Amino acid sequence: MTLIIGIGPVLYTLNNPDPQIQSLLFCKLRGYIFQICLMLSRWFVAFACIDRFALTSDKINLRNFAKPRIAHRIIIIIIIFWSIICSHRLIFYEIKGNFCGIINNMAAALYHSV
């Protein structure tokens, strides 16, 4: 999904006008969804590794952690967490000239520095 969101608009612009610099909504949503997909793919792989480690552990308490019910809860928590963390893209992205992104915004700079 990340690949489609990342490359799809670029392939579209080969024969058409760039929707990122024509539509502020598309500019914001593409950056938001792309960032969420990138972070979710990384975190899902990391937590899958932790789950497999817990499942094969000699410790009973750790092995009890590797249950489908807990995995589903963690997946939901990760999705909610990254949906909130990446929301700054919906707020700070703007179009200036032929560029879609965060441009000269002190509030965004402060957010990124924190």
PDB file of N, CA and C in Angstrom:
ATOM      1  N   MET A   1       0.824  -1.184   0.000  1.00  0.00           N
ATOM      2  CA  MET A   1       0.000   0.000   0.000  1.00  0.00           C
ATOM      3  C   MET A   1       0.875   1.258   0.000  1.00  0.00           C
ATOM      4  N   THR A   2       1.958   1.209   0.754  1.00  0.00           N
ATOM      5  CA  THR A   2       2.870   2.354   0.794  1.00  0.00           C
ATOM      6  C   THR A   2       3.442   2.624  -0.587  1.00  0.00           C
ATOM      7  N   LEU A   3       3.780   1.575  -1.294  1.00  0.00           N
ATOM      8  CA  LEU A   3       4.342   1.717  -2.637  1.00  0.00           C
ATOM      9  C   LEU A   3       3.322   2.338  -3.591  1.00  0.00           C
ATOM     10  N   ILE A   4       2.079   1.909  -3.495  1.00  0.00           N
ATOM     11  CA  ILE A   4       1.031   2.457  -4.362  1.00  0.00           C
ATOM     12  C   ILE A   4       0.813   3.939  -4.073  1.00  0.00           C
ATOM     13  N   ILE A   5       0.753   4.297  -2.791  1.00  0.00           N
ATOM     14  CA  ILE A   5       0.527   5.692  -2.415  1.00  0.00           C
ATOM     15  C   ILE A   5       1.738   6.553  -2.771  1.00  0.00           C
ATOM     16  N   GLY A   6       2.933   5.985  -2.667  1.00  0.00           N
ATOM     17  CA  GLY A   6       4.139   6.747  -2.964  1.00  0.00           C
ATOM     18  C   GLY A   6       4.402   6.926  -4.448  1.00  0.00           C
ATOM     19  N   ILE A   7       4.218   5.865  -5.213  1.00  0.00           N
ATOM     20  CA  ILE A   7       4.566   5.906  -6.632  1.00  0.00           C
ATOM     21  C   ILE A   7       3.365   6.219  -7.519  1.00  0.00           C
ATOM     22  N   GLY A   8       2.161   5.879  -7.059  1.00  0.00           N
ATOM     23  CA  GLY A   8       0.958   6.091  -7.863  1.00  0.00           C
ATOM     24  C   GLY A   8       0.815   7.502  -8.395  1.00  0.00           C
ATOM     25  N   PRO A   9       0.859   8.521  -7.540  1.00  0.00           N
ATOM     26  CA  PRO A   9       0.737   9.894  -8.047  1.00  0.00           C
ATOM     27  C   PRO A   9       1.876  10.301  -8.986  1.00  0.00           C
ATOM     28  N   VAL A  10       3.059   9.762  -8.767  1.00  0.00           N
ATOM     29  CA  VAL A  10       4.185  10.097  -9.648  1.00  0.00           C
ATOM     30  C   VAL A  10       3.941   9.532 -11.046  1.00  0.00           C
ATOM     31  N   LEU A  11       3.454   8.305 -11.119  1.00  0.00           N
ATOM     32  CA  LEU A  11       3.141   7.718 -12.423  1.00  0.00           C
ATOM     33  C   LEU A  11       1.982   8.447 -13.090  1.00  0.00           C
ATOM     34  N   TYR A  12       1.023   8.887 -12.310  1.00  0.00           N
ATOM     35  CA  TYR A  12      -0.111   9.637 -12.846  1.00  0.00           C
ATOM     36  C   TYR A  12       0.351  10.944 -13.477  1.00  0.00           C
ATOM     37  N   THR A  13       1.340  11.588 -12.887  1.00  0.00           N
ATOM     38  CA  THR A  13       1.794  12.891 -13.386  1.00  0.00           C
ATOM     39  C   THR A  13       2.634  12.791 -14.654  1.00  0.00           C
ATOM     40  N   LEU A  14       2.943  11.592 -15.113  1.00  0.00           N
ATOM     41  CA  LEU A  14       3.693  11.470 -16.360  1.00  0.00           C
ATOM     42  C   LEU A  14       2.893  12.012 -17.542  1.00  0.00           C
ATOM     43  N   ASN A  15       1.585  11.837 -17.529  1.00  0.00           N
ATOM     44  CA  ASN A  15       0.738  12.299 -18.631  1.00  0.00           C
ATOM     45  C   ASN A  15      -0.323  13.307 -18.203  1.00  0.00           C
ATOM     46  N   ASN A  16      -0.386  13.629 -16.921  1.00  0.00           N
ATOM     47  CA  ASN A  16      -1.425  14.512 -16.394  1.00  0.00           C
ATOM     48  C   ASN A  16      -0.800  15.556 -15.473  1.00  0.00           C
ATOM     49  N   PRO A  17      -1.553  16.603 -15.160  1.00  0.00           N
ATOM     50  CA  PRO A  17      -1.051  17.597 -14.195  1.00  0.00           C
ATOM     51  C   PRO A  17      -0.895  16.965 -12.808  1.00  0.00           C
ATOM     52  N   ASP A  18       0.036  17.470 -12.059  1.00  0.00           N
ATOM     53  CA  ASP A  18       0.321  16.931 -10.726  1.00  0.00           C
ATOM     54  C   ASP A  18      -0.800  17.302  -9.759  1.00  0.00           C
ATOM     55  N   PRO A  19      -1.537  16.305  -9.227  1.00  0.00           N
ATOM     56  CA  PRO A  19      -2.631  16.630  -8.309  1.00  0.00           C
ATOM     57  C   PRO A  19      -2.154  17.172  -6.963  1.00  0.00           C
ATOM     58  N   GLN A  20      -0.890  16.916  -6.623  1.00  0.00           N
ATOM     59  CA  GLN A  20      -0.365  17.404  -5.338  1.00  0.00           C
ATOM     60  C   GLN A  20      -0.237  18.909  -5.298  1.00  0.00           C
ATOM     61  N   ILE A  21       0.002  19.533  -6.441  1.00  0.00           N
ATOM     62  CA  ILE A  21       0.157  20.986  -6.441  1.00  0.00           C
ATOM     63  C   ILE A  21      -1.104  21.695  -6.926  1.00  0.00           C
ATOM     64  N   GLN A  22      -2.147  20.914  -7.233  1.00  0.00           N
ATOM     65  CA  GLN A  22      -3.412  21.513  -7.650  1.00  0.00           C
ATOM     66  C   GLN A  22      -4.495  21.389  -6.592  1.00  0.00           C
ATOM     67  N   SER A  23      -4.391  20.378  -5.744  1.00  0.00           N
ATOM     68  CA  SER A  23      -5.414  20.140  -4.734  1.00  0.00           C
ATOM     69  C   SER A  23      -4.772  20.080  -3.351  1.00  0.00           C
ATOM     70  N   LEU A  24      -5.143  21.014  -2.503  1.00  0.00           N
ATOM     71  CA  LEU A  24      -4.603  21.034  -1.142  1.00  0.00           C
ATOM     72  C   LEU A  24      -5.049  19.798  -0.364  1.00  0.00           C
ATOM     73  N   LEU A  25      -6.273  19.361  -0.584  1.00  0.00           N
ATOM     74  CA  LEU A  25      -6.776  18.165   0.089  1.00  0.00           C
ATOM     75  C   LEU A  25      -5.955  16.941  -0.290  1.00  0.00           C
ATOM     76  N   PHE A  26      -5.678  16.771  -1.580  1.00  0.00           N
ATOM     77  CA  PHE A  26      -4.860  15.641  -2.027  1.00  0.00           C
ATOM     78  C   PHE A  26      -3.446  15.739  -1.478  1.00  0.00           C
ATOM     79  N   CYS A  27      -2.906  16.942  -1.470  1.00  0.00           N
ATOM     80  CA  CYS A  27      -1.557  17.170  -0.931  1.00  0.00           C
ATOM     81  C   CYS A  27      -1.478  16.708   0.520  1.00  0.00           C
ATOM     82  N   LYS A  28      -2.427  17.123   1.326  1.00  0.00           N
ATOM     83  CA  LYS A  28      -2.422  16.781   2.749  1.00  0.00           C
ATOM     84  C   LYS A  28      -2.694  15.300   2.981  1.00  0.00           C
ATOM     85  N   LEU A  29      -3.708  14.760   2.300  1.00  0.00           N
ATOM     86  CA  LEU A  29      -4.065  13.356   2.518  1.00  0.00           C
ATOM     87  C   LEU A  29      -2.996  12.399   2.038  1.00  0.00           C
ATOM     88  N   ARG A  30      -2.359  12.699   0.909  1.00  0.00           N
ATOM     89  CA  ARG A  30      -1.311  11.819   0.409  1.00  0.00           C
ATOM     90  C   ARG A  30      -0.140  11.764   1.387  1.00  0.00           C
ATOM     91  N   GLY A  31       0.285  12.912   1.882  1.00  0.00           N
ATOM     92  CA  GLY A  31       1.379  12.932   2.851  1.00  0.00           C
ATOM     93  C   GLY A  31       1.018  12.221   4.141  1.00  0.00           C
ATOM     94  N   TYR A  32      -0.211  12.414   4.598  1.00  0.00           N
ATOM     95  CA  TYR A  32      -0.688  11.792   5.833  1.00  0.00           C
ATOM     96  C   TYR A  32      -0.759  10.274   5.695  1.00  0.00           C
ATOM     97  N   ILE A  33      -1.427   9.808   4.650  1.00  0.00           N
ATOM     98  CA  ILE A  33      -1.588   8.363   4.461  1.00  0.00           C
ATOM     99  C   ILE A  33      -0.252   7.700   4.178  1.00  0.00           C
ATOM    100  N   PHE A  34       0.603   8.355   3.407  1.00  0.00           N
ATOM    101  CA  PHE A  34       1.928   7.793   3.106  1.00  0.00           C
ATOM    102  C   PHE A  34       2.742   7.635   4.383  1.00  0.00           C
ATOM    103  N   GLN A  35       2.749   8.646   5.242  1.00  0.00           N
ATOM    104  CA  GLN A  35       3.502   8.574   6.497  1.00  0.00           C
ATOM    105  C   GLN A  35       2.945   7.491   7.415  1.00  0.00           C
ATOM    106  N   ILE A  36       1.625   7.397   7.499  1.00  0.00           N
ATOM    107  CA  ILE A  36       1.017   6.364   8.336  1.00  0.00           C
ATOM    108  C   ILE A  36       1.390   4.976   7.827  1.00  0.00           C
ATOM    109  N   CYS A  37       1.307   4.769   6.520  1.00  0.00           N
ATOM    110  CA  CYS A  37       1.651   3.450   5.960  1.00  0.00           C
ATOM    111  C   CYS A  37       3.106   3.090   6.220  1.00  0.00           C
ATOM    112  N   LEU A  38       3.990   4.065   6.090  1.00  0.00           N
ATOM    113  CA  LEU A  38       5.406   3.795   6.372  1.00  0.00           C
ATOM    114  C   LEU A  38       5.617   3.387   7.827  1.00  0.00           C
ATOM    115  N   MET A  39       5.034   4.130   8.732  1.00  0.00           N
ATOM    116  CA  MET A  39       5.228   3.845  10.152  1.00  0.00           C
ATOM    117  C   MET A  39       4.547   2.545  10.568  1.00  0.00           C
ATOM    118  N   LEU A  40       3.351   2.297  10.061  1.00  0.00           N
ATOM    119  CA  LEU A  40       2.649   1.072  10.421  1.00  0.00           C
ATOM    120  C   LEU A  40       3.399  -0.158   9.936  1.00  0.00           C
ATOM    121  N   SER A  41       3.929  -0.107   8.727  1.00  0.00           N
ATOM    122  CA  SER A  41       4.662  -1.275   8.224  1.00  0.00           C
ATOM    123  C   SER A  41       5.882  -1.577   9.088  1.00  0.00           C
ATOM    124  N   ARG A  42       6.579  -0.562   9.522  1.00  0.00           N
ATOM    125  CA  ARG A  42       7.750  -0.757  10.391  1.00  0.00           C
ATOM    126  C   ARG A  42       7.342  -1.301  11.753  1.00  0.00           C
ATOM    127  N   TRP A  43       6.336  -0.713  12.346  1.00  0.00           N
ATOM    128  CA  TRP A  43       5.927  -1.120  13.693  1.00  0.00           C
ATOM    129  C   TRP A  43       5.277  -2.500  13.689  1.00  0.00           C
ATOM    130  N   PHE A  44       4.533  -2.839  12.641  1.00  0.00           N
ATOM    131  CA  PHE A  44       3.932  -4.165  12.581  1.00  0.00           C
ATOM    132  C   PHE A  44       5.000  -5.252  12.483  1.00  0.00           C
ATOM    133  N   VAL A  45       6.035  -5.008  11.698  1.00  0.00           N
ATOM    134  CA  VAL A  45       7.133  -5.977  11.605  1.00  0.00           C
ATOM    135  C   VAL A  45       7.847  -6.102  12.954  1.00  0.00           C
ATOM    136  N   ALA A  46       8.101  -4.979  13.604  1.00  0.00           N
ATOM    137  CA  ALA A  46       8.783  -5.010  14.902  1.00  0.00           C
ATOM    138  C   ALA A  46       7.954  -5.769  15.936  1.00  0.00           C
ATOM    139  N   PHE A  47       6.651  -5.485  15.993  1.00  0.00           N
ATOM    140  CA  PHE A  47       5.818  -6.175  16.977  1.00  0.00           C
ATOM    141  C   PHE A  47       5.565  -7.629  16.607  1.00  0.00           C
ATOM    142  N   ALA A  48       5.615  -7.967  15.332  1.00  0.00           N
ATOM    143  CA  ALA A  48       5.529  -9.379  14.938  1.00  0.00           C
ATOM    144  C   ALA A  48       6.753 -10.132  15.437  1.00  0.00           C
ATOM    145  N   CYS A  49       7.905  -9.509  15.354  1.00  0.00           N
ATOM    146  CA  CYS A  49       9.131 -10.127  15.884  1.00  0.00           C
ATOM    147  C   CYS A  49       9.041 -10.304  17.398  1.00  0.00           C
ATOM    148  N   ILE A  50       8.536  -9.294  18.084  1.00  0.00           N
ATOM    149  CA  ILE A  50       8.376  -9.392  19.545  1.00  0.00           C
ATOM    150  C   ILE A  50       7.384 -10.498  19.887  1.00  0.00           C
ATOM    151  N   ASP A  51       6.308 -10.610  19.126  1.00  0.00           N
ATOM    152  CA  ASP A  51       5.306 -11.645  19.350  1.00  0.00           C
ATOM    153  C   ASP A  51       5.903 -13.040  19.145  1.00  0.00           C
ATOM    154  N   ARG A  52       6.688 -13.212  18.103  1.00  0.00           N
ATOM    155  CA  ARG A  52       7.322 -14.518  17.849  1.00  0.00           C
ATOM    156  C   ARG A  52       8.330 -14.852  18.947  1.00  0.00           C
ATOM    157  N   PHE A  53       9.057 -13.830  19.409  1.00  0.00           N
ATOM    158  CA  PHE A  53      10.002 -14.049  20.506  1.00  0.00           C
ATOM    159  C   PHE A  53       9.265 -14.484  21.768  1.00  0.00           C
ATOM    160  N   ALA A  54       8.155 -13.806  22.046  1.00  0.00           N
ATOM    161  CA  ALA A  54       7.373 -14.152  23.242  1.00  0.00           C
ATOM    162  C   ALA A  54       6.797 -15.554  23.129  1.00  0.00           C
ATOM    163  N   LEU A  55       6.361 -15.923  21.940  1.00  0.00           N
ATOM    164  CA  LEU A  55       5.756 -17.240  21.737  1.00  0.00           C
ATOM    165  C   LEU A  55       6.760 -18.370  21.946  1.00  0.00           C
ATOM    166  N   THR A  56       8.012 -18.126  21.606  1.00  0.00           N
ATOM    167  CA  THR A  56       9.029 -19.180  21.724  1.00  0.00           C
ATOM    168  C   THR A  56       9.856 -19.077  23.004  1.00  0.00           C
ATOM    169  N   SER A  57       9.456 -18.207  23.905  1.00  0.00           N
ATOM    170  CA  SER A  57      10.196 -18.008  25.148  1.00  0.00           C
ATOM    171  C   SER A  57       9.992 -19.174  26.115  1.00  0.00           C
ATOM    172  N   ASP A  58      10.987 -19.403  26.955  1.00  0.00           N
ATOM    173  CA  ASP A  58      10.888 -20.425  27.992  1.00  0.00           C
ATOM    174  C   ASP A  58      10.058 -19.937  29.178  1.00  0.00           C
ATOM    175  N   LYS A  59       9.919 -18.626  29.308  1.00  0.00           N
ATOM    176  CA  LYS A  59       9.181 -18.052  30.430  1.00  0.00           C
ATOM    177  C   LYS A  59       7.678 -18.072  30.140  1.00  0.00           C
ATOM    178  N   ILE A  60       6.914 -18.610  31.071  1.00  0.00           N
ATOM    179  CA  ILE A  60       5.475 -18.757  30.879  1.00  0.00           C
ATOM    180  C   ILE A  60       4.783 -17.399  30.799  1.00  0.00           C
ATOM    181  N   ASN A  61       5.174 -16.458  31.633  1.00  0.00           N
ATOM    182  CA  ASN A  61       4.547 -15.129  31.616  1.00  0.00           C
ATOM    183  C   ASN A  61       4.738 -14.435  30.274  1.00  0.00           C
ATOM    184  N   LEU A  62       5.909 -14.580  29.706  1.00  0.00           N
ATOM    185  CA  LEU A  62       6.188 -13.964  28.415  1.00  0.00           C
ATOM    186  C   LEU A  62       5.438 -14.697  27.302  1.00  0.00           C
ATOM    187  N   ARG A  63       5.337 -16.006  27.413  1.00  0.00           N
ATOM    188  CA  ARG A  63       4.622 -16.791  26.420  1.00  0.00           C
ATOM    189  C   ARG A  63       3.120 -16.470  26.425  1.00  0.00           C
ATOM    190  N   ASN A  64       2.580 -16.142  27.584  1.00  0.00           N
ATOM    191  CA  ASN A  64       1.168 -15.767  27.676  1.00  0.00           C
ATOM    192  C   ASN A  64       0.873 -14.447  26.965  1.00  0.00           C
ATOM    193  N   PHE A  65       1.899 -13.658  26.735  1.00  0.00           N
ATOM    194  CA  PHE A  65       1.761 -12.387  26.031  1.00  0.00           C
ATOM    195  C   PHE A  65       1.417 -12.602  24.552  1.00  0.00           C
ATOM    196  N   ALA A  66       1.822 -13.732  23.994  1.00  0.00           N
ATOM    197  CA  ALA A  66       1.656 -14.012  22.564  1.00  0.00           C
ATOM    198  C   ALA A  66       0.313 -14.699  22.298  1.00  0.00           C
ATOM    199  N   LYS A  67      -0.775 -13.958  22.497  1.00  0.00           N
ATOM    200  CA  LYS A  67      -2.112 -14.470  22.234  1.00  0.00           C
ATOM    201  C   LYS A  67      -2.775 -13.591  21.174  1.00  0.00           C
ATOM    202  N   PRO A  68      -3.644 -14.183  20.355  1.00  0.00           N
ATOM    203  CA  PRO A  68      -4.297 -13.389  19.297  1.00  0.00           C
ATOM    204  C   PRO A  68      -5.077 -12.189  19.833  1.00  0.00           C
ATOM    205  N   ARG A  69      -5.717 -12.325  20.966  1.00  0.00           N
ATOM    206  CA  ARG A  69      -6.495 -11.217  21.545  1.00  0.00           C
ATOM    207  C   ARG A  69      -5.585 -10.030  21.860  1.00  0.00           C
ATOM    208  N   ILE A  70      -4.439 -10.309  22.421  1.00  0.00           N
ATOM    209  CA  ILE A  70      -3.481  -9.247  22.743  1.00  0.00           C
ATOM    210  C   ILE A  70      -2.906  -8.652  21.463  1.00  0.00           C
ATOM    211  N   ALA A  71      -2.628  -9.510  20.474  1.00  0.00           N
ATOM    212  CA  ALA A  71      -2.096  -9.016  19.194  1.00  0.00           C
ATOM    213  C   ALA A  71      -3.092  -8.073  18.518  1.00  0.00           C
ATOM    214  N   HIS A  72      -4.374  -8.412  18.551  1.00  0.00           N
ATOM    215  CA  HIS A  72      -5.387  -7.539  17.947  1.00  0.00           C
ATOM    216  C   HIS A  72      -5.453  -6.194  18.664  1.00  0.00           C
ATOM    217  N   ARG A  73      -5.371  -6.217  19.967  1.00  0.00           N
ATOM    218  CA  ARG A  73      -5.385  -4.964  20.726  1.00  0.00           C
ATOM    219  C   ARG A  73      -4.172  -4.100  20.404  1.00  0.00           C
ATOM    220  N   ILE A  74      -3.022  -4.728  20.299  1.00  0.00           N
ATOM    221  CA  ILE A  74      -1.795  -3.985  19.985  1.00  0.00           C
ATOM    222  C   ILE A  74      -1.881  -3.386  18.588  1.00  0.00           C
ATOM    223  N   ILE A  75      -2.430  -4.119  17.637  1.00  0.00           N
ATOM    224  CA  ILE A  75      -2.591  -3.598  16.276  1.00  0.00           C
ATOM    225  C   ILE A  75      -3.479  -2.359  16.290  1.00  0.00           C
ATOM    226  N   ILE A  76      -4.585  -2.423  17.002  1.00  0.00           N
ATOM    227  CA  ILE A  76      -5.491  -1.274  17.083  1.00  0.00           C
ATOM    228  C   ILE A  76      -4.802  -0.091  17.756  1.00  0.00           C
ATOM    229  N   ILE A  77      -4.054  -0.344  18.821  1.00  0.00           N
ATOM    230  CA  ILE A  77      -3.345   0.730  19.525  1.00  0.00           C
ATOM    231  C   ILE A  77      -2.306   1.377  18.620  1.00  0.00           C
ATOM    232  N   ILE A  78      -1.577   0.564  17.856  1.00  0.00           N
ATOM    233  CA  ILE A  78      -0.558   1.100  16.948  1.00  0.00           C
ATOM    234  C   ILE A  78      -1.208   1.973  15.866  1.00  0.00           C
ATOM    235  N   ILE A  79      -2.315   1.520  15.309  1.00  0.00           N
ATOM    236  CA  ILE A  79      -2.994   2.296  14.267  1.00  0.00           C
ATOM    237  C   ILE A  79      -3.491   3.628  14.823  1.00  0.00           C
ATOM    238  N   ILE A  80      -4.101   3.606  15.991  1.00  0.00           N
ATOM    239  CA  ILE A  80      -4.582   4.850  16.605  1.00  0.00           C
ATOM    240  C   ILE A  80      -3.419   5.777  16.941  1.00  0.00           C
ATOM    241  N   PHE A  81      -2.356   5.211  17.504  1.00  0.00           N
ATOM    242  CA  PHE A  81      -1.183   6.002  17.887  1.00  0.00           C
ATOM    243  C   PHE A  81      -0.605   6.745  16.681  1.00  0.00           C
ATOM    244  N   TRP A  82      -0.345   6.020  15.579  1.00  0.00           N
ATOM    245  CA  TRP A  82       0.271   6.663  14.422  1.00  0.00           C
ATOM    246  C   TRP A  82      -0.697   7.567  13.666  1.00  0.00           C
ATOM    247  N   SER A  83      -1.984   7.291  13.751  1.00  0.00           N
ATOM    248  CA  SER A  83      -2.960   8.201  13.140  1.00  0.00           C
ATOM    249  C   SER A  83      -2.934   9.554  13.838  1.00  0.00           C
ATOM    250  N   ILE A  84      -2.743   9.539  15.138  1.00  0.00           N
ATOM    251  CA  ILE A  84      -2.668  10.797  15.898  1.00  0.00           C
ATOM    252  C   ILE A  84      -1.324  11.483  15.688  1.00  0.00           C
ATOM    253  N   ILE A  85      -0.241  10.724  15.773  1.00  0.00           N
ATOM    254  CA  ILE A  85       1.103  11.309  15.646  1.00  0.00           C
ATOM    255  C   ILE A  85       1.309  11.945  14.269  1.00  0.00           C
ATOM    256  N   CYS A  86       0.788  11.339  13.229  1.00  0.00           N
ATOM    257  CA  CYS A  86       0.993  11.854  11.870  1.00  0.00           C
ATOM    258  C   CYS A  86       0.011  12.949  11.490  1.00  0.00           C
ATOM    259  N   SER A  87      -0.902  13.296  12.367  1.00  0.00           N
ATOM    260  CA  SER A  87      -1.921  14.293  12.023  1.00  0.00           C
ATOM    261  C   SER A  87      -1.341  15.686  11.768  1.00  0.00           C
ATOM    262  N   HIS A  88      -0.121  15.922  12.182  1.00  0.00           N
ATOM    263  CA  HIS A  88       0.482  17.229  11.907  1.00  0.00           C
ATOM    264  C   HIS A  88       0.587  17.496  10.411  1.00  0.00           C
ATOM    265  N   ARG A  89       0.673  16.445   9.622  1.00  0.00           N
ATOM    266  CA  ARG A  89       0.731  16.631   8.170  1.00  0.00           C
ATOM    267  C   ARG A  89      -0.571  17.215   7.630  1.00  0.00           C
ATOM    268  N   LEU A  90      -1.677  16.828   8.232  1.00  0.00           N
ATOM    269  CA  LEU A  90      -2.966  17.386   7.806  1.00  0.00           C
ATOM    270  C   LEU A  90      -3.081  18.869   8.149  1.00  0.00           C
ATOM    271  N   ILE A  91      -2.393  19.270   9.187  1.00  0.00           N
ATOM    272  CA  ILE A  91      -2.477  20.651   9.659  1.00  0.00           C
ATOM    273  C   ILE A  91      -1.476  21.560   8.948  1.00  0.00           C
ATOM    274  N   PHE A  92      -0.229  21.125   8.835  1.00  0.00           N
ATOM    275  CA  PHE A  92       0.841  22.023   8.398  1.00  0.00           C
ATOM    276  C   PHE A  92       1.167  21.975   6.907  1.00  0.00           C
ATOM    277  N   TYR A  93       0.732  20.970   6.181  1.00  0.00           N
ATOM    278  CA  TYR A  93       1.060  20.901   4.753  1.00  0.00           C
ATOM    279  C   TYR A  93       0.338  22.006   3.990  1.00  0.00           C
ATOM    280  N   GLU A  94       1.038  22.581   3.024  1.00  0.00           N
ATOM    281  CA  GLU A  94       0.473  23.620   2.182  1.00  0.00           C
ATOM    282  C   GLU A  94       1.138  23.575   0.814  1.00  0.00           C
ATOM    283  N   ILE A  95       0.546  24.260  -0.134  1.00  0.00           N
ATOM    284  CA  ILE A  95       1.087  24.306  -1.490  1.00  0.00           C
ATOM    285  C   ILE A  95       1.643  25.703  -1.738  1.00  0.00           C
ATOM    286  N   LYS A  96       2.912  25.756  -2.103  1.00  0.00           N
ATOM    287  CA  LYS A  96       3.569  27.017  -2.493  1.00  0.00           C
ATOM    288  C   LYS A  96       4.274  26.767  -3.820  1.00  0.00           C
ATOM    289  N   GLY A  97       3.803  27.422  -4.840  1.00  0.00           N
ATOM    290  CA  GLY A  97       4.397  27.240  -6.162  1.00  0.00           C
ATOM    291  C   GLY A  97       4.169  25.819  -6.654  1.00  0.00           C
ATOM    292  N   ASN A  98       5.257  25.117  -6.914  1.00  0.00           N
ATOM    293  CA  ASN A  98       5.180  23.729  -7.370  1.00  0.00           C
ATOM    294  C   ASN A  98       5.611  22.754  -6.286  1.00  0.00           C
ATOM    295  N   PHE A  99       5.382  23.101  -5.033  1.00  0.00           N
ATOM    296  CA  PHE A  99       5.828  22.264  -3.921  1.00  0.00           C
ATOM    297  C   PHE A  99       4.688  22.048  -2.926  1.00  0.00           C
ATOM    298  N   CYS A 100       4.528  20.812  -2.525  1.00  0.00           N
ATOM    299  CA  CYS A 100       3.540  20.457  -1.514  1.00  0.00           C
ATOM    300  C   CYS A 100       4.308  19.971  -0.292  1.00  0.00           C
ATOM    301  N   GLY A 101       4.189  20.678   0.813  1.00  0.00           N
ATOM    302  CA  GLY A 101       4.916  20.278   2.010  1.00  0.00           C
ATOM    303  C   GLY A 101       4.825  21.330   3.097  1.00  0.00           C
ATOM    304  N   ILE A 102       5.667  21.169   4.101  1.00  0.00           N
ATOM    305  CA  ILE A 102       5.728  22.135   5.195  1.00  0.00           C
ATOM    306  C   ILE A 102       6.739  23.201   4.801  1.00  0.00           C
ATOM    307  N   ILE A 103       6.261  24.431   4.650  1.00  0.00           N
ATOM    308  CA  ILE A 103       7.110  25.510   4.140  1.00  0.00           C
ATOM    309  C   ILE A 103       7.096  26.664   5.127  1.00  0.00           C
ATOM    310  N   ASN A 104       8.247  27.007   5.683  1.00  0.00           N
ATOM    311  CA  ASN A 104       8.405  28.173   6.565  1.00  0.00           C
ATOM    312  C   ASN A 104       7.298  28.289   7.617  1.00  0.00           C
ATOM    313  N   ASN A 105       7.124  27.265   8.387  1.00  0.00           N
ATOM    314  CA  ASN A 105       6.088  27.267   9.412  1.00  0.00           C
ATOM    315  C   ASN A 105       6.757  27.053  10.761  1.00  0.00           C
ATOM    316  N   MET A 106       6.730  28.057  11.613  1.00  0.00           N
ATOM    317  CA  MET A 106       7.402  27.977  12.919  1.00  0.00           C
ATOM    318  C   MET A 106       6.734  26.958  13.841  1.00  0.00           C
ATOM    319  N   ALA A 107       5.406  26.844  13.775  1.00  0.00           N
ATOM    320  CA  ALA A 107       4.706  25.870  14.607  1.00  0.00           C
ATOM    321  C   ALA A 107       5.115  24.454  14.217  1.00  0.00           C
ATOM    322  N   ALA A 108       5.263  24.208  12.917  1.00  0.00           N
ATOM    323  CA  ALA A 108       5.703  22.888  12.452  1.00  0.00           C
ATOM    324  C   ALA A 108       7.143  22.629  12.869  1.00  0.00           C
ATOM    325  N   ALA A 109       7.984  23.644  12.801  1.00  0.00           N
ATOM    326  CA  ALA A 109       9.372  23.481  13.242  1.00  0.00           C
ATOM    327  C   ALA A 109       9.451  23.157  14.722  1.00  0.00           C
ATOM    328  N   LEU A 110       8.626  23.807  15.501  1.00  0.00           N
ATOM    329  CA  LEU A 110       8.579  23.523  16.930  1.00  0.00           C
ATOM    330  C   LEU A 110       8.077  22.102  17.186  1.00  0.00           C
ATOM    331  N   TYR A 111       7.043  21.694  16.465  1.00  0.00           N
ATOM    332  CA  TYR A 111       6.507  20.331  16.610  1.00  0.00           C
ATOM    333  C   TYR A 111       7.579  19.295  16.276  1.00  0.00           C
ATOM    334  N   HIS A 112       8.299  19.488  15.190  1.00  0.00           N
ATOM    335  CA  HIS A 112       9.332  18.536  14.775  1.00  0.00           C
ATOM    336  C   HIS A 112      10.522  18.533  15.732  1.00  0.00           C
ATOM    337  N   SER A 113      10.817  19.657  16.341  1.00  0.00           N
ATOM    338  CA  SER A 113      11.937  19.692  17.266  1.00  0.00           C
ATOM    339  C   SER A 113      11.618  18.984  18.575  1.00  0.00           C
ATOM    340  N   VAL A 114      10.339  18.956  18.949  1.00  0.00           N
ATOM    341  CA  VAL A 114       9.916  18.275  20.175  1.00  0.00           C
ATOM    342  C   VAL A 114       9.943  16.793  19.913  1.00  0.00           C
TER     343      VAL A 114
END
